[in-house]
Amino acid sequence: MITQIEKQWYDESAENEAGHALSPSLRPAGGKPIVRFRSVRKSFGELPVLKGIDLDIYPGEKIALIGPSGSGKTTLGRMLMTLEEPTAGTILIDGEPLWAMEKNGKPVRANEKHLQKMRGKVGMVFQHFHLFPHMSVLKNVTLAPRSVLKLSKEEAEELAVAMLRKVGLEDKLHVYPSQLSGGQKQRVAIARALVMQPKIMVFDEVTSALDPELVGEVLSVIKEIAKEGQMAMLLITHEMEFAREVADRVIFGAEGLIVEEGKPEQIFTNPRSERLQAFLQRFL
């Protein structure tokens, strides 16, 4: 059933929908997008960072977002976590507007309760780990399930142990962040996001703060999670080989716009735009 807000959004955008639709060759079979960006803009003061983004992400789809620094990639991910609010445009998650809600049959600005519900559908792993130093690995991972999902201590710990096993850290349950390497800390952060069972996960340059020798272990964990195919992923990365291997679709953004998108093989072996060709030269 379409809510009043969804109906208003569809009515306003219907005549332009054909221009926003994903090419059939790129669209996964069946299902509706789990995330939709429509004409999304974001400015910080007088500085425009995103200049009209139209993007659909489908359930289980793995999208790599590449591009030069300052092109708005991280801002796009932060919007999904409600850490940044669009200046204009619409974001839908699982068919519901992110920044609006229905009250008495009318669309109104989203309140904190609505935003919290929507955040539950999105997980995000940041460049820096943001672990609580005074908590053990297990407590870092069980905190959100207990406080947000209201799971019992036993339920939260069972789920946390399963996620820590998935990232190869089941033997580190009772150690503290200060006793872990950078790669291990990032893997704890991944488990902490996975334990919330999101419908889409955003990985924001998760290896950029790591020593080079630790990058591989984190990328390997993400590759294994991607193989499971159940959760959509938005992978913001400068690791081109990783993007090529993991992604179903690669999006190249520059200067606040989506410049080119396609299958990994097309993007990396036959880029159409001069801007993408110049960008990829840095990695050859």
Foldseek 3Di string as FASTA:
>chain_A
DAALVLVVVCVVCVVVVVVLDDDPVLDDPDDFFQKWWFQFWAADVPRTQAGTDTDGFHFLAEEEEEEDPSNCQVVVVCVQLVNDPTPDTFMDGRNHTQQWDDDPRDIDGDDPVSNLVSNLQEFEQEQQLPFDQVAFLQCSQLVCCCPPVVDDPVVSSVLLLVLCVLLPRNVRRGHGPVVDARLSSSSSSVSSRCSSVHQEYEYAQNCPPHDPVSSVSNLVSVQVVSVVSRHYYYYHHPPLVSSLPRGQKYFYGGNNYGPDMDGSCCQQPPNDDPNSVVVCVVVD
